[in-house]
Amino acid sequence: MGSHSHEVTDAILETLKRAGSGLKDAGVRFALAGGCAAYARGAAPSLHDVDFVLPQEDVPAALETLRGLGFVTVKPPEDWLVKAYDEGRLVDLIFSICDHPITPKLLARAEPMKASAVILPVLEATDLVITWLLPLSEHSCDYGSLLPQVRALREQVDWKRVAAVAQDSPYALTFLTLLERLDVLSGPVIPEGESSWP
């Protein structure tokens, strides 16, 4: 890993620390998601931006908090997230994933973990993997970048639950087959349990 990517990682972690501490102090309900959550859970850093998930009704307070910290906030055309920039570093505030609104129930399963020297709620590993698999589609199907993250988390994940939630997505199921063929998983995953999410 070159020094440039170290600098990028350090800068992203600094943004994560500022944003996460600010949201926590403001009483915003949220959990860390994306690459930063995988990193907090032991995966190698693959950090391009900071992803937080939060209920839609907490978005205004989150934006106000981040603006107060000097972030520049943007409402993109998509209707499932808003964005905040910290000197060009991106924070995504995601309130819906593939038409599944972020719920307090999902956040209640998040676990307090150390991320960039602060303790923040981090999405539970099974939920984290589900947030990666549900959006897979013919337009966005990068199995390669997901593999190292998922491989690092595999022991923490309830794969039967992942399969139950993802069973309507051919892209997600194909990824599970790929994990099986690569021996990341020890055998075929039989979907089991609640298929609704979160």
N, C-alpha and C. Protein backbone atom coordinates (compact mmCIF):
# COMPACT_ATOMS: atom_id res chain seq x y z
N MET A 1 0.84 -1.19 0.00
CA MET A 1 0.00 0.00 0.00
C MET A 1 0.88 1.24 0.00
N GLY A 2 0.77 2.09 -1.01
CA GLY A 2 1.63 3.27 -1.12
C GLY A 2 1.28 4.30 -0.08
N SER A 3 2.15 5.30 0.06
CA SER A 3 1.91 6.32 1.09
C SER A 3 0.66 7.14 0.75
N HIS A 4 0.37 7.27 -0.55
CA HIS A 4 -0.81 8.05 -0.93
C HIS A 4 -2.09 7.40 -0.36
N SER A 5 -2.19 6.07 -0.51
CA SER A 5 -3.41 5.42 -0.02
C SER A 5 -3.47 5.47 1.51
N HIS A 6 -2.29 5.49 2.16
CA HIS A 6 -2.27 5.68 3.62
C HIS A 6 -2.85 7.04 3.98
N GLU A 7 -2.44 8.06 3.21
CA GLU A 7 -2.94 9.41 3.47
C GLU A 7 -4.45 9.48 3.27
N VAL A 8 -4.91 8.84 2.20
CA VAL A 8 -6.35 8.83 1.92
C VAL A 8 -7.10 8.16 3.06
N THR A 9 -6.59 6.99 3.49
CA THR A 9 -7.22 6.27 4.59
C THR A 9 -7.24 7.12 5.86
N ASP A 10 -6.11 7.73 6.19
CA ASP A 10 -6.05 8.56 7.39
C ASP A 10 -7.04 9.71 7.33
N ALA A 11 -7.14 10.33 6.14
CA ALA A 11 -8.05 11.46 5.98
C ALA A 11 -9.50 11.02 6.13
N ILE A 12 -9.84 9.87 5.53
CA ILE A 12 -11.21 9.35 5.65
C ILE A 12 -11.52 9.02 7.11
N LEU A 13 -10.55 8.42 7.81
CA LEU A 13 -10.78 8.06 9.22
C LEU A 13 -10.95 9.31 10.07
N GLU A 14 -10.25 10.38 9.71
CA GLU A 14 -10.40 11.64 10.44
C GLU A 14 -11.82 12.20 10.21
N THR A 15 -12.28 12.13 8.97
CA THR A 15 -13.65 12.56 8.65
C THR A 15 -14.66 11.71 9.39
N LEU A 16 -14.42 10.40 9.42
CA LEU A 16 -15.30 9.47 10.14
C LEU A 16 -15.38 9.87 11.62
N LYS A 17 -14.23 10.18 12.19
CA LYS A 17 -14.17 10.54 13.61
C LYS A 17 -14.97 11.82 13.87
N ARG A 18 -14.75 12.84 13.04
CA ARG A 18 -15.45 14.12 13.22
C ARG A 18 -16.96 13.96 13.06
N ALA A 19 -17.34 13.29 11.98
CA ALA A 19 -18.77 13.15 11.68
C ALA A 19 -19.44 12.25 12.72
N GLY A 20 -18.82 11.10 13.02
CA GLY A 20 -19.41 10.15 13.96
C GLY A 20 -19.56 10.74 15.36
N SER A 21 -18.50 11.42 15.82
CA SER A 21 -18.57 12.05 17.16
C SER A 21 -19.66 13.11 17.20
N GLY A 22 -19.73 13.91 16.13
CA GLY A 22 -20.73 14.98 16.06
C GLY A 22 -22.15 14.45 16.11
N LEU A 23 -22.41 13.40 15.30
CA LEU A 23 -23.76 12.83 15.25
C LEU A 23 -24.11 12.19 16.60
N LYS A 24 -23.12 11.54 17.21
CA LYS A 24 -23.34 10.90 18.50
C LYS A 24 -23.69 11.96 19.56
N ASP A 25 -22.90 13.04 19.58
CA ASP A 25 -23.14 14.11 20.56
C ASP A 25 -24.50 14.77 20.36
N ALA A 26 -24.94 14.81 19.09
CA ALA A 26 -26.22 15.47 18.79
C ALA A 26 -27.42 14.55 19.05
N GLY A 27 -27.14 13.30 19.40
CA GLY A 27 -28.25 12.38 19.68
C GLY A 27 -28.94 11.85 18.43
N VAL A 28 -28.27 11.96 17.28
CA VAL A 28 -28.83 11.40 16.04
C VAL A 28 -28.71 9.88 16.11
N ARG A 29 -29.77 9.18 15.70
CA ARG A 29 -29.71 7.71 15.66
C ARG A 29 -29.06 7.29 14.35
N PHE A 30 -27.99 6.52 14.44
CA PHE A 30 -27.29 6.11 13.22
C PHE A 30 -26.43 4.89 13.50
N ALA A 31 -25.92 4.28 12.43
CA ALA A 31 -24.90 3.24 12.56
C ALA A 31 -23.93 3.40 11.40
N LEU A 32 -22.70 3.00 11.65
CA LEU A 32 -21.68 3.02 10.61
C LEU A 32 -21.92 1.85 9.67
N ALA A 33 -21.79 2.09 8.35
CA ALA A 33 -22.00 1.05 7.35
C ALA A 33 -20.83 1.08 6.36
N GLY A 34 -20.96 0.33 5.25
CA GLY A 34 -19.96 0.41 4.19
C GLY A 34 -18.58 -0.08 4.58
N GLY A 35 -17.57 0.39 3.84
CA GLY A 35 -16.19 -0.04 4.04
C GLY A 35 -15.65 0.29 5.42
N CYS A 36 -16.08 1.42 5.98
CA CYS A 36 -15.61 1.80 7.32
C CYS A 36 -16.13 0.82 8.38
N ALA A 37 -17.36 0.34 8.20
CA ALA A 37 -17.91 -0.65 9.14
C ALA A 37 -17.15 -1.97 9.00
N ALA A 38 -16.84 -2.35 7.77
CA ALA A 38 -16.08 -3.59 7.55
C ALA A 38 -14.70 -3.46 8.20
N TYR A 39 -14.10 -2.28 8.07
CA TYR A 39 -12.78 -2.02 8.67
C TYR A 39 -12.86 -2.11 10.20
N ALA A 40 -13.90 -1.52 10.78
CA ALA A 40 -14.09 -1.60 12.23
C ALA A 40 -14.26 -3.05 12.68
N ARG A 41 -14.80 -3.88 11.77
CA ARG A 41 -15.03 -5.30 12.10
C ARG A 41 -13.87 -6.19 11.69
N GLY A 42 -12.76 -5.59 11.26
CA GLY A 42 -11.56 -6.39 11.03
C GLY A 42 -11.13 -6.59 9.59
N ALA A 43 -11.87 -6.03 8.63
CA ALA A 43 -11.46 -6.15 7.23
C ALA A 43 -10.33 -5.15 6.93
N ALA A 44 -9.61 -5.39 5.86
CA ALA A 44 -8.56 -4.45 5.45
C ALA A 44 -9.21 -3.14 5.04
N PRO A 45 -8.51 -2.02 5.26
CA PRO A 45 -9.14 -0.74 4.89
C PRO A 45 -9.33 -0.64 3.39
N SER A 46 -10.57 -0.40 2.98
CA SER A 46 -10.87 -0.10 1.58
C SER A 46 -11.83 1.07 1.67
N LEU A 47 -11.27 2.23 1.95
CA LEU A 47 -12.09 3.35 2.40
C LEU A 47 -12.08 4.48 1.38
N HIS A 48 -13.22 4.69 0.76
CA HIS A 48 -13.32 5.77 -0.22
C HIS A 48 -14.21 6.88 0.30
N ASP A 49 -15.12 6.50 1.16
CA ASP A 49 -16.04 7.48 1.75
C ASP A 49 -16.54 6.90 3.07
N VAL A 50 -17.34 7.68 3.76
CA VAL A 50 -17.91 7.23 5.03
C VAL A 50 -19.41 7.04 4.82
N ASP A 51 -19.92 5.87 5.19
CA ASP A 51 -21.35 5.60 5.04
C ASP A 51 -21.98 5.45 6.42
N PHE A 52 -23.02 6.24 6.65
CA PHE A 52 -23.84 6.06 7.84
C PHE A 52 -25.25 5.71 7.39
N VAL A 53 -25.91 4.82 8.13
CA VAL A 53 -27.34 4.58 7.89
C VAL A 53 -28.10 5.20 9.06
N LEU A 54 -29.28 5.74 8.75
CA LEU A 54 -30.07 6.41 9.78
C LEU A 54 -31.52 6.47 9.34
N PRO A 55 -32.46 6.60 10.29
CA PRO A 55 -33.87 6.72 9.89
C PRO A 55 -34.09 8.06 9.19
N GLN A 56 -35.01 8.08 8.24
CA GLN A 56 -35.23 9.30 7.45
C GLN A 56 -35.56 10.50 8.34
N GLU A 57 -36.29 10.27 9.44
CA GLU A 57 -36.69 11.42 10.26
C GLU A 57 -35.50 12.05 11.00
N ASP A 58 -34.36 11.35 11.05
CA ASP A 58 -33.16 11.91 11.70
C ASP A 58 -32.25 12.64 10.72
N VAL A 59 -32.60 12.60 9.43
CA VAL A 59 -31.74 13.22 8.42
C VAL A 59 -31.58 14.73 8.63
N PRO A 60 -32.68 15.50 8.88
CA PRO A 60 -32.50 16.94 9.06
C PRO A 60 -31.54 17.28 10.21
N ALA A 61 -31.66 16.58 11.33
CA ALA A 61 -30.78 16.84 12.47
C ALA A 61 -29.34 16.47 12.12
N ALA A 62 -29.16 15.39 11.36
CA ALA A 62 -27.82 14.96 10.96
C ALA A 62 -27.18 16.02 10.06
N LEU A 63 -27.94 16.52 9.10
CA LEU A 63 -27.41 17.54 8.18
C LEU A 63 -27.04 18.82 8.92
N GLU A 64 -27.91 19.21 9.83
CA GLU A 64 -27.67 20.42 10.62
C GLU A 64 -26.39 20.26 11.46
N THR A 65 -26.24 19.09 12.06
CA THR A 65 -25.05 18.80 12.87
C THR A 65 -23.78 18.89 12.02
N LEU A 66 -23.80 18.24 10.85
CA LEU A 66 -22.61 18.22 10.01
C LEU A 66 -22.30 19.62 9.46
N ARG A 67 -23.35 20.37 9.11
CA ARG A 67 -23.11 21.76 8.66
C ARG A 67 -22.45 22.57 9.77
N GLY A 68 -22.90 22.33 11.00
CA GLY A 68 -22.32 23.03 12.15
C GLY A 68 -20.84 22.70 12.34
N LEU A 69 -20.42 21.52 11.84
CA LEU A 69 -19.01 21.12 11.94
C LEU A 69 -18.21 21.58 10.73
N GLY A 70 -18.88 22.30 9.81
CA GLY A 70 -18.17 22.81 8.64
C GLY A 70 -18.27 21.93 7.40
N PHE A 71 -19.09 20.87 7.46
CA PHE A 71 -19.29 20.04 6.27
C PHE A 71 -20.22 20.78 5.29
N VAL A 72 -20.05 20.52 4.01
CA VAL A 72 -20.94 21.07 2.99
C VAL A 72 -21.95 19.97 2.64
N THR A 73 -23.25 20.26 2.79
CA THR A 73 -24.25 19.20 2.58
C THR A 73 -24.94 19.37 1.23
N VAL A 74 -25.30 18.25 0.64
CA VAL A 74 -25.87 18.22 -0.71
C VAL A 74 -27.05 17.26 -0.73
N LYS A 75 -28.13 17.68 -1.37
CA LYS A 75 -29.27 16.77 -1.54
C LYS A 75 -29.21 16.29 -2.99
N PRO A 76 -28.73 15.05 -3.22
CA PRO A 76 -28.62 14.56 -4.60
C PRO A 76 -30.00 14.18 -5.16
N PRO A 77 -30.07 13.91 -6.47
CA PRO A 77 -31.37 13.53 -7.05
C PRO A 77 -31.92 12.21 -6.51
N GLU A 78 -31.04 11.31 -6.06
CA GLU A 78 -31.53 10.03 -5.52
C GLU A 78 -32.38 10.29 -4.28
N ASP A 79 -33.37 9.43 -4.08
CA ASP A 79 -34.28 9.67 -2.94
C ASP A 79 -34.03 8.70 -1.80
N TRP A 80 -32.77 8.24 -1.67
CA TRP A 80 -32.47 7.29 -0.59
C TRP A 80 -31.28 7.70 0.25
N LEU A 81 -30.65 8.83 -0.11
CA LEU A 81 -29.50 9.29 0.68
C LEU A 81 -29.31 10.79 0.51
N VAL A 82 -28.54 11.37 1.43
CA VAL A 82 -28.05 12.73 1.28
C VAL A 82 -26.54 12.67 1.48
N LYS A 83 -25.85 13.72 1.06
CA LYS A 83 -24.39 13.69 1.09
C LYS A 83 -23.85 14.90 1.85
N ALA A 84 -22.69 14.68 2.49
CA ALA A 84 -22.00 15.79 3.14
C ALA A 84 -20.52 15.66 2.80
N TYR A 85 -19.88 16.80 2.54
CA TYR A 85 -18.46 16.79 2.18
C TYR A 85 -17.63 17.49 3.22
N ASP A 86 -16.52 16.84 3.58
CA ASP A 86 -15.56 17.38 4.52
C ASP A 86 -14.29 17.64 3.71
N GLU A 87 -14.13 18.87 3.22
CA GLU A 87 -12.98 19.19 2.36
C GLU A 87 -12.85 18.17 1.23
N GLY A 88 -13.96 17.86 0.59
CA GLY A 88 -13.92 16.95 -0.56
C GLY A 88 -14.10 15.48 -0.19
N ARG A 89 -13.98 15.14 1.09
CA ARG A 89 -14.20 13.74 1.49
C ARG A 89 -15.69 13.53 1.74
N LEU A 90 -16.19 12.45 1.19
CA LEU A 90 -17.64 12.26 1.15
C LEU A 90 -18.17 11.46 2.33
N VAL A 91 -19.26 11.96 2.91
CA VAL A 91 -20.03 11.20 3.90
C VAL A 91 -21.42 10.98 3.30
N ASP A 92 -21.82 9.71 3.16
CA ASP A 92 -23.17 9.38 2.68
C ASP A 92 -24.05 9.11 3.88
N LEU A 93 -25.20 9.77 3.93
CA LEU A 93 -26.19 9.51 4.97
C LEU A 93 -27.34 8.77 4.29
N ILE A 94 -27.42 7.47 4.53
CA ILE A 94 -28.32 6.59 3.78
C ILE A 94 -29.54 6.28 4.64
N PHE A 95 -30.73 6.60 4.14
CA PHE A 95 -31.93 6.33 4.95
C PHE A 95 -32.82 5.25 4.35
N SER A 96 -32.43 4.71 3.18
CA SER A 96 -33.20 3.62 2.59
C SER A 96 -32.27 2.81 1.70
N ILE A 97 -32.42 1.49 1.72
CA ILE A 97 -31.60 0.62 0.87
C ILE A 97 -32.53 -0.24 0.04
N CYS A 98 -32.57 0.02 -1.26
CA CYS A 98 -33.45 -0.74 -2.17
C CYS A 98 -34.89 -0.76 -1.66
N ASP A 99 -35.41 0.41 -1.34
CA ASP A 99 -36.79 0.56 -0.85
C ASP A 99 -37.03 -0.07 0.52
N HIS A 100 -35.98 -0.39 1.24
CA HIS A 100 -36.11 -0.83 2.63
C HIS A 100 -35.68 0.33 3.51
N PRO A 101 -36.63 1.03 4.15
CA PRO A 101 -36.24 2.15 5.00
C PRO A 101 -35.40 1.68 6.19
N ILE A 102 -34.44 2.49 6.59
CA ILE A 102 -33.62 2.19 7.77
C ILE A 102 -34.51 2.35 9.01
N THR A 103 -34.54 1.33 9.84
CA THR A 103 -35.46 1.32 10.99
C THR A 103 -34.68 1.36 12.32
N PRO A 104 -35.34 1.82 13.38
CA PRO A 104 -34.72 1.75 14.71
C PRO A 104 -34.35 0.30 15.08
N LYS A 105 -35.13 -0.67 14.58
CA LYS A 105 -34.86 -2.08 14.86
C LYS A 105 -33.48 -2.49 14.30
N LEU A 106 -33.19 -2.04 13.09
CA LEU A 106 -31.89 -2.32 12.48
C LEU A 106 -30.77 -1.68 13.32
N LEU A 107 -30.99 -0.43 13.71
CA LEU A 107 -29.96 0.28 14.49
C LEU A 107 -29.77 -0.35 15.87
N ALA A 108 -30.84 -0.93 16.42
CA ALA A 108 -30.75 -1.57 17.74
C ALA A 108 -29.83 -2.78 17.69
N ARG A 109 -29.69 -3.40 16.50
CA ARG A 109 -28.80 -4.56 16.37
C ARG A 109 -27.34 -4.14 16.19
N ALA A 110 -27.10 -2.86 15.89
CA ALA A 110 -25.73 -2.38 15.69
C ALA A 110 -24.95 -2.54 16.99
N GLU A 111 -23.64 -2.73 16.85
CA GLU A 111 -22.80 -2.98 18.02
C GLU A 111 -21.80 -1.86 18.21
N PRO A 112 -21.63 -1.36 19.44
CA PRO A 112 -20.64 -0.31 19.66
C PRO A 112 -19.24 -0.87 19.47
N MET A 113 -18.49 -0.27 18.58
CA MET A 113 -17.13 -0.74 18.29
C MET A 113 -16.23 0.46 18.09
N LYS A 114 -14.93 0.20 18.21
CA LYS A 114 -13.97 1.28 18.03
C LYS A 114 -13.74 1.50 16.54
N ALA A 115 -13.98 2.70 16.08
CA ALA A 115 -13.74 3.06 14.69
C ALA A 115 -13.00 4.39 14.71
N SER A 116 -11.77 4.39 14.25
CA SER A 116 -11.00 5.62 14.21
C SER A 116 -10.94 6.30 15.58
N ALA A 117 -10.61 5.53 16.61
CA ALA A 117 -10.38 6.05 17.96
C ALA A 117 -11.64 6.54 18.68
N VAL A 118 -12.80 6.35 18.08
CA VAL A 118 -14.04 6.65 18.81
C VAL A 118 -14.93 5.41 18.79
N ILE A 119 -15.74 5.28 19.83
CA ILE A 119 -16.69 4.15 19.87
C ILE A 119 -17.97 4.59 19.18
N LEU A 120 -18.33 3.90 18.11
CA LEU A 120 -19.53 4.23 17.35
C LEU A 120 -20.36 2.97 17.14
N PRO A 121 -21.68 3.14 16.95
CA PRO A 121 -22.48 1.95 16.60
C PRO A 121 -22.13 1.51 15.18
N VAL A 122 -21.79 0.23 15.04
CA VAL A 122 -21.39 -0.33 13.74
C VAL A 122 -22.43 -1.38 13.36
N LEU A 123 -22.90 -1.34 12.11
CA LEU A 123 -23.90 -2.32 11.68
C LEU A 123 -23.45 -3.73 12.00
N GLU A 124 -24.39 -4.51 12.46
CA GLU A 124 -24.17 -5.92 12.74
C GLU A 124 -23.71 -6.58 11.42
N ALA A 125 -22.80 -7.56 11.50
CA ALA A 125 -22.15 -8.09 10.30
C ALA A 125 -23.14 -8.65 9.27
N THR A 126 -24.15 -9.36 9.75
CA THR A 126 -25.14 -9.93 8.82
C THR A 126 -25.88 -8.81 8.09
N ASP A 127 -26.28 -7.78 8.84
CA ASP A 127 -26.97 -6.64 8.22
C ASP A 127 -26.05 -5.92 7.24
N LEU A 128 -24.77 -5.81 7.60
CA LEU A 128 -23.82 -5.13 6.72
C LEU A 128 -23.72 -5.84 5.38
N VAL A 129 -23.60 -7.16 5.42
CA VAL A 129 -23.51 -7.94 4.18
C VAL A 129 -24.81 -7.79 3.37
N ILE A 130 -25.94 -7.80 4.06
CA ILE A 130 -27.23 -7.62 3.36
C ILE A 130 -27.26 -6.25 2.65
N THR A 131 -26.72 -5.21 3.31
CA THR A 131 -26.74 -3.88 2.67
C THR A 131 -25.86 -3.86 1.42
N TRP A 132 -24.90 -4.76 1.34
CA TRP A 132 -24.06 -4.84 0.13
C TRP A 132 -24.72 -5.67 -0.96
N LEU A 133 -25.45 -6.71 -0.55
CA LEU A 133 -25.98 -7.64 -1.56
C LEU A 133 -27.29 -7.17 -2.19
N LEU A 134 -28.15 -6.54 -1.39
CA LEU A 134 -29.45 -6.13 -1.95
C LEU A 134 -29.31 -5.20 -3.16
N PRO A 135 -28.36 -4.22 -3.14
CA PRO A 135 -28.30 -3.31 -4.29
C PRO A 135 -27.65 -3.90 -5.55
N LEU A 136 -27.11 -5.12 -5.47
CA LEU A 136 -26.47 -5.68 -6.66
C LEU A 136 -27.48 -5.78 -7.81
N SER A 137 -27.03 -5.35 -8.99
CA SER A 137 -27.91 -5.38 -10.16
C SER A 137 -27.04 -5.46 -11.41
N GLU A 138 -27.67 -5.52 -12.57
CA GLU A 138 -26.84 -5.60 -13.78
C GLU A 138 -26.03 -4.32 -13.98
N HIS A 139 -26.47 -3.22 -13.38
CA HIS A 139 -25.74 -1.96 -13.54
C HIS A 139 -24.65 -1.82 -12.49
N SER A 140 -24.75 -2.58 -11.41
CA SER A 140 -23.81 -2.43 -10.31
C SER A 140 -23.60 -3.81 -9.70
N CYS A 141 -22.57 -4.49 -10.18
CA CYS A 141 -22.39 -5.88 -9.78
C CYS A 141 -20.90 -6.18 -9.62
N ASP A 142 -20.26 -5.44 -8.70
CA ASP A 142 -18.81 -5.57 -8.54
C ASP A 142 -18.49 -6.60 -7.46
N TYR A 143 -18.51 -7.88 -7.85
CA TYR A 143 -18.22 -8.94 -6.89
C TYR A 143 -16.78 -8.84 -6.39
N GLY A 144 -15.89 -8.37 -7.25
CA GLY A 144 -14.46 -8.33 -6.92
C GLY A 144 -14.15 -7.48 -5.70
N SER A 145 -14.79 -6.32 -5.59
CA SER A 145 -14.48 -5.45 -4.45
C SER A 145 -15.16 -5.96 -3.17
N LEU A 146 -16.26 -6.71 -3.34
CA LEU A 146 -16.96 -7.25 -2.17
C LEU A 146 -16.24 -8.44 -1.54
N LEU A 147 -15.55 -9.21 -2.38
CA LEU A 147 -14.97 -10.47 -1.91
C LEU A 147 -14.06 -10.33 -0.70
N PRO A 148 -13.03 -9.45 -0.75
CA PRO A 148 -12.14 -9.38 0.41
C PRO A 148 -12.86 -8.93 1.68
N GLN A 149 -13.85 -8.04 1.51
CA GLN A 149 -14.60 -7.55 2.68
C GLN A 149 -15.38 -8.70 3.31
N VAL A 150 -16.09 -9.43 2.46
CA VAL A 150 -16.94 -10.52 2.94
C VAL A 150 -16.10 -11.66 3.52
N ARG A 151 -14.97 -11.93 2.86
CA ARG A 151 -14.09 -12.99 3.35
C ARG A 151 -13.63 -12.68 4.78
N ALA A 152 -13.32 -11.41 5.03
CA ALA A 152 -12.84 -11.01 6.37
C ALA A 152 -13.92 -11.14 7.43
N LEU A 153 -15.19 -10.99 7.01
CA LEU A 153 -16.30 -10.98 7.99
C LEU A 153 -17.01 -12.31 8.10
N ARG A 154 -16.62 -13.30 7.29
CA ARG A 154 -17.48 -14.48 7.11
C ARG A 154 -17.89 -15.17 8.40
N GLU A 155 -16.97 -15.21 9.40
CA GLU A 155 -17.29 -15.89 10.67
C GLU A 155 -18.35 -15.13 11.47
N GLN A 156 -18.52 -13.84 11.19
CA GLN A 156 -19.43 -13.00 11.98
C GLN A 156 -20.86 -12.99 11.40
N VAL A 157 -21.03 -13.63 10.24
CA VAL A 157 -22.28 -13.47 9.48
C VAL A 157 -23.19 -14.69 9.61
N ASP A 158 -24.49 -14.44 9.75
CA ASP A 158 -25.50 -15.50 9.72
C ASP A 158 -25.91 -15.68 8.24
N TRP A 159 -25.24 -16.61 7.56
CA TRP A 159 -25.42 -16.73 6.10
C TRP A 159 -26.81 -17.22 5.73
N LYS A 160 -27.44 -18.02 6.59
CA LYS A 160 -28.80 -18.50 6.29
C LYS A 160 -29.77 -17.32 6.23
N ARG A 161 -29.56 -16.38 7.14
CA ARG A 161 -30.41 -15.18 7.16
C ARG A 161 -30.13 -14.32 5.92
N VAL A 162 -28.85 -14.18 5.56
CA VAL A 162 -28.50 -13.43 4.34
C VAL A 162 -29.21 -14.06 3.14
N ALA A 163 -29.15 -15.39 3.03
CA ALA A 163 -29.77 -16.08 1.90
C ALA A 163 -31.29 -15.89 1.90
N ALA A 164 -31.90 -15.90 3.10
CA ALA A 164 -33.35 -15.74 3.19
C ALA A 164 -33.77 -14.35 2.70
N VAL A 165 -33.01 -13.33 3.10
CA VAL A 165 -33.35 -11.95 2.70
C VAL A 165 -33.07 -11.74 1.21
N ALA A 166 -31.99 -12.38 0.72
CA ALA A 166 -31.54 -12.10 -0.65
C ALA A 166 -32.10 -13.05 -1.70
N GLN A 167 -33.02 -13.95 -1.28
CA GLN A 167 -33.37 -15.03 -2.21
C GLN A 167 -34.09 -14.56 -3.48
N ASP A 168 -34.64 -13.35 -3.49
CA ASP A 168 -35.30 -12.87 -4.72
C ASP A 168 -34.32 -12.19 -5.67
N SER A 169 -33.07 -12.03 -5.25
CA SER A 169 -32.10 -11.34 -6.11
C SER A 169 -31.15 -12.34 -6.76
N PRO A 170 -31.24 -12.50 -8.09
CA PRO A 170 -30.32 -13.44 -8.75
C PRO A 170 -28.86 -13.02 -8.57
N TYR A 171 -28.61 -11.72 -8.47
CA TYR A 171 -27.22 -11.25 -8.34
C TYR A 171 -26.66 -11.61 -6.97
N ALA A 172 -27.48 -11.44 -5.94
CA ALA A 172 -27.04 -11.79 -4.58
C ALA A 172 -26.85 -13.30 -4.45
N LEU A 173 -27.77 -14.08 -4.99
CA LEU A 173 -27.66 -15.53 -4.87
C LEU A 173 -26.45 -16.06 -5.64
N THR A 174 -26.16 -15.43 -6.77
CA THR A 174 -24.97 -15.83 -7.55
C THR A 174 -23.71 -15.54 -6.75
N PHE A 175 -23.72 -14.43 -6.02
CA PHE A 175 -22.56 -14.10 -5.19
C PHE A 175 -22.38 -15.15 -4.08
N LEU A 176 -23.49 -15.60 -3.50
CA LEU A 176 -23.40 -16.64 -2.46
C LEU A 176 -22.84 -17.94 -3.05
N THR A 177 -23.25 -18.26 -4.29
CA THR A 177 -22.70 -19.45 -4.97
C THR A 177 -21.20 -19.29 -5.21
N LEU A 178 -20.81 -18.08 -5.60
CA LEU A 178 -19.39 -17.77 -5.81
C LEU A 178 -18.60 -17.98 -4.50
N LEU A 179 -19.15 -17.51 -3.39
CA LEU A 179 -18.48 -17.68 -2.09
C LEU A 179 -18.30 -19.16 -1.75
N GLU A 180 -19.31 -19.93 -2.12
CA GLU A 180 -19.26 -21.37 -1.87
C GLU A 180 -18.17 -22.02 -2.74
N ARG A 181 -18.13 -21.66 -4.03
CA ARG A 181 -17.14 -22.24 -4.96
C ARG A 181 -15.72 -21.85 -4.58
N LEU A 182 -15.57 -20.67 -3.98
CA LEU A 182 -14.23 -20.20 -3.58
C LEU A 182 -13.87 -20.68 -2.17
N ASP A 183 -14.74 -21.52 -1.60
CA ASP A 183 -14.52 -22.05 -0.25
C ASP A 183 -14.49 -20.98 0.83
N VAL A 184 -15.09 -19.82 0.55
CA VAL A 184 -15.26 -18.82 1.61
C VAL A 184 -16.34 -19.36 2.56
N LEU A 185 -17.34 -20.02 1.96
CA LEU A 185 -18.38 -20.69 2.75
C LEU A 185 -18.17 -22.20 2.60
N SER A 186 -18.52 -22.93 3.63
CA SER A 186 -18.18 -24.36 3.64
C SER A 186 -19.13 -25.22 2.81
N GLY A 187 -20.23 -24.66 2.37
CA GLY A 187 -21.16 -25.45 1.56
C GLY A 187 -22.32 -24.58 1.13
N PRO A 188 -23.29 -25.16 0.43
CA PRO A 188 -24.44 -24.37 -0.02
C PRO A 188 -25.19 -23.78 1.19
N VAL A 189 -25.65 -22.57 1.03
CA VAL A 189 -26.38 -21.91 2.11
C VAL A 189 -27.87 -22.13 1.91
N ILE A 190 -28.52 -22.73 2.88
CA ILE A 190 -29.96 -22.93 2.81
C ILE A 190 -30.63 -21.72 3.48
N PRO A 191 -31.49 -21.00 2.72
CA PRO A 191 -32.15 -19.84 3.34
C PRO A 191 -32.98 -20.28 4.54
N GLU A 192 -32.87 -19.54 5.61
CA GLU A 192 -33.59 -19.92 6.82
C GLU A 192 -33.94 -18.67 7.60
N GLY A 193 -35.14 -18.65 8.19
CA GLY A 193 -35.51 -17.52 9.04
C GLY A 193 -36.25 -16.44 8.27
N GLU A 194 -36.32 -15.31 8.89
CA GLU A 194 -37.12 -14.18 8.42
C GLU A 194 -36.58 -13.64 7.08
N SER A 195 -37.46 -13.56 6.07
CA SER A 195 -36.96 -13.03 4.79
C SER A 195 -37.17 -11.53 4.70
N SER A 196 -37.97 -10.97 5.61
CA SER A 196 -38.15 -9.52 5.56
C SER A 196 -36.94 -8.84 6.21
N TRP A 197 -36.64 -7.64 5.77
CA TRP A 197 -35.48 -6.90 6.29
C TRP A 197 -35.80 -5.42 6.16
N PRO A 198 -35.34 -4.55 7.06
CA PRO A 198 -34.52 -4.87 8.22
C PRO A 198 -35.35 -5.30 9.40
